[in-house]
Every structure is written in structure tokens, then in C-alpha cells.
Amino acid sequence: MNATSIFSFGNSFVLLGWILLIFLPKWKHTQTIILNGMIVLFALIYAFLLLKDIGSFSLDSFSTLANVKALFQNDNAVAMGWIHYLAFDLFVGAYIVKKSQQLQISRWLYTLTLPFTFMFGPVGYLLFFLIKTVKTKTIHEIN
């Protein structure tokens, strides 16, 4: 598999996880499919790309902005970085759903954070954090 096909596969495949989180968040298999299936597959693809190009990686690859820019001149490194983003954003999305269900946050409310998590990772988590903070503060004030 080349970097272009891995990039395309990742973009299409990750949609399954987001569809499950948005439309079937309470289905007993949603978290398992995402955490033990999809993210593990992304990790395997990531490891494959890393091992394939380990020779071009050095310990100072992330030490400066210039080094990071140079690292990402390689298509495999860009695909690897993209798989990394897809996996971690999906992981955060699964966490948001699971934690929201534990805290009994409205499905409609936490679902609003998921597109932001998918497209802008940390912003989606920030929205969830704000919702969670209001919810848990309200719970503590009632008790």
C-alpha cells in the first residue's frame, strides 16, 4: 500500500466510527468496534508506515518547526501523521460518548461536540469539557 491509498483508506474508514458514535452511541458493540478494532487497525497501519521509513526519522525530527516541516516532505510521513490524527480524534470521540453516558449528559448535547472533534480535535474536546464542567458543577450543587 502506498501513502496515497493509505490516506484515502483512512479518510473513508474513519467515517464508520463517527457514524457509530453519532447514530448508534448506545449499541453494545460501538465502543468495542472503535477501540478494539478501528483504532487498533489504525495503529497497525501507523506502525507499518513507521517501520517502512524508520531510516529517515531521527531523534531531533520534532525538535524544531523546520525539522517537522522537513519530515513532512515525505508522503509516508504525511500519511502516518494523518492516520495519527484520525486515530486519536476517533479515540477522543469514543471517550466523549462513553463519559457523557456515564455522566448522563443529553445525547443531543454531546453529539453536537462530535463533528467538532472529528474536524478540529481539541476544539471538540474543549466543548465537551465545558459541557461536562457545567453538568458536574450542577450535580454537585444539587447534592
C-alpha atoms as a PDB file:
ATOM      1  CA  MET A   1       0.000   0.000   0.000  1.00  0.00           C
ATOM      2  CA  ASN A   2       1.313   3.423  -0.878  1.00  0.00           C
ATOM      3  CA  ALA A   3       0.815   6.665   1.055  1.00  0.00           C
ATOM      4  CA  THR A   4      -1.974   7.900  -1.231  1.00  0.00           C
ATOM      5  CA  SER A   5      -4.048   4.747  -0.865  1.00  0.00           C
ATOM      6  CA  ILE A   6      -3.458   4.658   2.911  1.00  0.00           C
ATOM      7  CA  PHE A   7      -4.588   8.287   3.153  1.00  0.00           C
ATOM      8  CA  SER A   8      -7.733   7.551   1.112  1.00  0.00           C
ATOM      9  CA  PHE A   9      -8.490   4.389   3.060  1.00  0.00           C
ATOM     10  CA  GLY A  10      -8.117   6.198   6.385  1.00  0.00           C
ATOM     11  CA  ASN A  11     -10.437   9.016   5.317  1.00  0.00           C
ATOM     12  CA  SER A  12     -13.153   6.591   4.266  1.00  0.00           C
ATOM     13  CA  PHE A  13     -12.719   4.014   7.021  1.00  0.00           C
ATOM     14  CA  VAL A  14     -12.813   6.517   9.895  1.00  0.00           C
ATOM     15  CA  LEU A  15     -16.308   7.593   8.853  1.00  0.00           C
ATOM     16  CA  LEU A  16     -17.638   4.235  10.086  1.00  0.00           C
ATOM     17  CA  GLY A  17     -16.508   5.070  13.604  1.00  0.00           C
ATOM     18  CA  TRP A  18     -18.039   8.538  13.557  1.00  0.00           C
ATOM     19  CA  ILE A  19     -21.300   7.152  12.178  1.00  0.00           C
ATOM     20  CA  LEU A  20     -21.403   4.646  15.040  1.00  0.00           C
ATOM     21  CA  LEU A  21     -20.702   7.348  17.622  1.00  0.00           C
ATOM     22  CA  ILE A  22     -23.359   9.687  16.246  1.00  0.00           C
ATOM     23  CA  PHE A  23     -26.130   7.269  15.292  1.00  0.00           C
ATOM     24  CA  LEU A  24     -25.529   4.199  17.490  1.00  0.00           C
ATOM     25  CA  PRO A  25     -23.753   5.507  20.591  1.00  0.00           C
ATOM     26  CA  LYS A  26     -25.564   3.114  22.962  1.00  0.00           C
ATOM     27  CA  TRP A  27     -25.171  -0.001  20.811  1.00  0.00           C
ATOM     28  CA  LYS A  28     -23.238  -2.560  22.872  1.00  0.00           C
ATOM     29  CA  HIS A  29     -20.647  -3.064  20.101  1.00  0.00           C
ATOM     30  CA  THR A  30     -19.906   0.577  19.232  1.00  0.00           C
ATOM     31  CA  GLN A  31     -17.076   1.128  21.723  1.00  0.00           C
ATOM     32  CA  THR A  32     -15.581  -2.319  21.033  1.00  0.00           C
ATOM     33  CA  ILE A  33     -15.578  -1.842  17.268  1.00  0.00           C
ATOM     34  CA  ILE A  34     -13.930   1.550  17.609  1.00  0.00           C
ATOM     35  CA  LEU A  35     -11.448   0.925  20.429  1.00  0.00           C
ATOM     36  CA  ASN A  36     -10.515  -2.702  19.803  1.00  0.00           C
ATOM     37  CA  GLY A  37     -10.990  -2.758  16.056  1.00  0.00           C
ATOM     38  CA  MET A  38     -10.680   0.507  14.193  1.00  0.00           C
ATOM     39  CA  ILE A  39      -8.076   2.209  16.365  1.00  0.00           C
ATOM     40  CA  VAL A  40      -6.012  -0.972  16.555  1.00  0.00           C
ATOM     41  CA  LEU A  41      -6.109  -1.175  12.745  1.00  0.00           C
ATOM     42  CA  PHE A  42      -5.007   2.464  12.538  1.00  0.00           C
ATOM     43  CA  ALA A  43      -2.177   1.642  14.973  1.00  0.00           C
ATOM     44  CA  LEU A  44      -1.052  -1.257  12.778  1.00  0.00           C
ATOM     45  CA  ILE A  45      -1.063   0.960   9.680  1.00  0.00           C
ATOM     46  CA  TYR A  46       0.855   3.602  11.603  1.00  0.00           C
ATOM     47  CA  ALA A  47       3.437   1.036  12.759  1.00  0.00           C
ATOM     48  CA  PHE A  48       3.772  -0.258   9.184  1.00  0.00           C
ATOM     49  CA  LEU A  49       4.482   3.242   7.888  1.00  0.00           C
ATOM     50  CA  LEU A  50       6.878   3.946  10.733  1.00  0.00           C
ATOM     51  CA  LEU A  51       8.857   0.748  10.148  1.00  0.00           C
ATOM     52  CA  LYS A  52       8.816   1.308   6.395  1.00  0.00           C
ATOM     53  CA  ASP A  53      10.511   4.705   6.737  1.00  0.00           C
ATOM     54  CA  ILE A  54      12.307   4.447  10.081  1.00  0.00           C
ATOM     55  CA  GLY A  55      15.589   5.268   8.325  1.00  0.00           C
ATOM     56  CA  SER A  56      14.502   8.838   7.535  1.00  0.00           C
ATOM     57  CA  PHE A  57      13.437   9.518  11.135  1.00  0.00           C
ATOM     58  CA  SER A  58      15.845  10.916  13.696  1.00  0.00           C
ATOM     59  CA  LEU A  59      15.533  11.873  17.347  1.00  0.00           C
ATOM     60  CA  ASP A  60      15.553  15.579  16.505  1.00  0.00           C
ATOM     61  CA  SER A  61      12.811  15.288  13.839  1.00  0.00           C
ATOM     62  CA  PHE A  62      10.382  17.078  16.169  1.00  0.00           C
ATOM     63  CA  SER A  63      12.840  19.454  17.852  1.00  0.00           C
ATOM     64  CA  THR A  64      12.163  22.481  15.636  1.00  0.00           C
ATOM     65  CA  LEU A  65       9.446  23.668  13.306  1.00  0.00           C
ATOM     66  CA  ALA A  66      11.907  23.469  10.408  1.00  0.00           C
ATOM     67  CA  ASN A  67      12.669  19.804  11.213  1.00  0.00           C
ATOM     68  CA  VAL A  68       8.966  18.937  11.381  1.00  0.00           C
ATOM     69  CA  LYS A  69       8.385  20.658   8.040  1.00  0.00           C
ATOM     70  CA  ALA A  70      11.291  18.701   6.545  1.00  0.00           C
ATOM     71  CA  LEU A  71       9.943  15.439   7.977  1.00  0.00           C
ATOM     72  CA  PHE A  72       6.559  16.025   6.384  1.00  0.00           C
ATOM     73  CA  GLN A  73       8.037  16.444   2.912  1.00  0.00           C
ATOM     74  CA  ASN A  74       7.801  12.647   2.705  1.00  0.00           C
ATOM     75  CA  ASP A  75       4.389  11.265   1.604  1.00  0.00           C
ATOM     76  CA  ASN A  76       4.655   8.323   4.008  1.00  0.00           C
ATOM     77  CA  ALA A  77       5.284  10.700   6.915  1.00  0.00           C
ATOM     78  CA  VAL A  78       2.243  12.781   5.946  1.00  0.00           C
ATOM     79  CA  ALA A  79       0.075   9.644   5.685  1.00  0.00           C
ATOM     80  CA  MET A  80       1.431   8.476   9.022  1.00  0.00           C
ATOM     81  CA  GLY A  81       0.632  11.842  10.608  1.00  0.00           C
ATOM     82  CA  TRP A  82      -2.864  11.782   9.123  1.00  0.00           C
ATOM     83  CA  ILE A  83      -3.533   8.258  10.446  1.00  0.00           C
ATOM     84  CA  HIS A  84      -2.327   9.509  13.821  1.00  0.00           C
ATOM     85  CA  TYR A  85      -4.849  12.388  13.742  1.00  0.00           C
ATOM     86  CA  LEU A  86      -7.683  10.129  12.609  1.00  0.00           C
ATOM     87  CA  ALA A  87      -6.981   7.541  15.319  1.00  0.00           C
ATOM     88  CA  PHE A  88      -6.637   9.997  18.172  1.00  0.00           C
ATOM     89  CA  ASP A  89      -9.607  12.138  17.215  1.00  0.00           C
ATOM     90  CA  LEU A  90     -11.728   8.984  16.973  1.00  0.00           C
ATOM     91  CA  PHE A  91     -10.405   7.844  20.354  1.00  0.00           C
ATOM     92  CA  VAL A  92     -11.371  11.204  21.868  1.00  0.00           C
ATOM     93  CA  GLY A  93     -14.804  10.932  20.242  1.00  0.00           C
ATOM     94  CA  ALA A  94     -15.312   7.483  21.792  1.00  0.00           C
ATOM     95  CA  TYR A  95     -14.215   8.877  25.160  1.00  0.00           C
ATOM     96  CA  ILE A  96     -16.660  11.785  24.877  1.00  0.00           C
ATOM     97  CA  VAL A  97     -19.543   9.408  24.189  1.00  0.00           C
ATOM     98  CA  LYS A  98     -18.615   6.991  26.959  1.00  0.00           C
ATOM     99  CA  LYS A  99     -18.007   9.702  29.569  1.00  0.00           C
ATOM    100  CA  SER A 100     -21.163  11.573  28.556  1.00  0.00           C
ATOM    101  CA  GLN A 101     -23.221   8.433  29.004  1.00  0.00           C
ATOM    102  CA  GLN A 102     -21.676   7.844  32.432  1.00  0.00           C
ATOM    103  CA  LEU A 103     -22.497  11.430  33.446  1.00  0.00           C
ATOM    104  CA  GLN A 104     -25.963  11.209  31.872  1.00  0.00           C
ATOM    105  CA  ILE A 105     -25.299  14.159  29.586  1.00  0.00           C
ATOM    106  CA  SER A 106     -28.001  14.517  26.952  1.00  0.00           C
ATOM    107  CA  ARG A 107     -27.243  12.565  23.801  1.00  0.00           C
ATOM    108  CA  TRP A 108     -28.139  15.584  21.678  1.00  0.00           C
ATOM    109  CA  LEU A 109     -25.778  17.791  23.632  1.00  0.00           C
ATOM    110  CA  TYR A 110     -22.708  15.524  23.434  1.00  0.00           C
ATOM    111  CA  THR A 111     -23.477  14.635  19.819  1.00  0.00           C
ATOM    112  CA  LEU A 112     -23.044  18.318  18.967  1.00  0.00           C
ATOM    113  CA  THR A 113     -19.406  18.069  20.075  1.00  0.00           C
ATOM    114  CA  LEU A 114     -18.592  15.106  17.817  1.00  0.00           C
ATOM    115  CA  PRO A 115     -18.368  16.907  14.441  1.00  0.00           C
ATOM    116  CA  PHE A 116     -16.023  19.432  16.068  1.00  0.00           C
ATOM    117  CA  THR A 117     -13.930  16.589  17.468  1.00  0.00           C
ATOM    118  CA  PHE A 118     -13.819  14.920  14.049  1.00  0.00           C
ATOM    119  CA  MET A 119     -12.815  18.076  12.188  1.00  0.00           C
ATOM    120  CA  PHE A 120     -10.959  20.112  14.825  1.00  0.00           C
ATOM    121  CA  GLY A 121      -9.994  17.555  17.521  1.00  0.00           C
ATOM    122  CA  PRO A 122      -9.104  19.720  20.521  1.00  0.00           C
ATOM    123  CA  VAL A 123     -11.974  22.162  19.916  1.00  0.00           C
ATOM    124  CA  GLY A 124     -14.474  19.295  20.139  1.00  0.00           C
ATOM    125  CA  TYR A 125     -12.878  18.126  23.359  1.00  0.00           C
ATOM    126  CA  LEU A 126     -12.964  21.681  24.711  1.00  0.00           C
ATOM    127  CA  LEU A 127     -16.705  21.882  24.012  1.00  0.00           C
ATOM    128  CA  PHE A 128     -17.215  18.555  25.765  1.00  0.00           C
ATOM    129  CA  PHE A 129     -15.090  19.732  28.694  1.00  0.00           C
ATOM    130  CA  LEU A 130     -17.235  22.845  29.071  1.00  0.00           C
ATOM    131  CA  ILE A 131     -20.459  20.806  28.916  1.00  0.00           C
ATOM    132  CA  LYS A 132     -19.071  18.281  31.399  1.00  0.00           C
ATOM    133  CA  THR A 133     -17.946  21.038  33.749  1.00  0.00           C
ATOM    134  CA  VAL A 134     -21.383  22.673  33.756  1.00  0.00           C
ATOM    135  CA  LYS A 135     -23.067  19.281  34.201  1.00  0.00           C
ATOM    136  CA  THR A 136     -20.860  18.109  37.073  1.00  0.00           C
ATOM    137  CA  LYS A 137     -20.977  21.517  38.795  1.00  0.00           C
ATOM    138  CA  THR A 138     -24.773  21.385  38.606  1.00  0.00           C
ATOM    139  CA  ILE A 139     -24.760  17.861  40.063  1.00  0.00           C
ATOM    140  CA  HIS A 140     -22.510  18.903  42.970  1.00  0.00           C
ATOM    141  CA  GLU A 141     -24.621  21.979  43.721  1.00  0.00           C
ATOM    142  CA  ILE A 142     -27.796  19.843  43.898  1.00  0.00           C
ATOM    143  CA  ASN A 143     -26.211  17.323  46.271  1.00  0.00           C
END
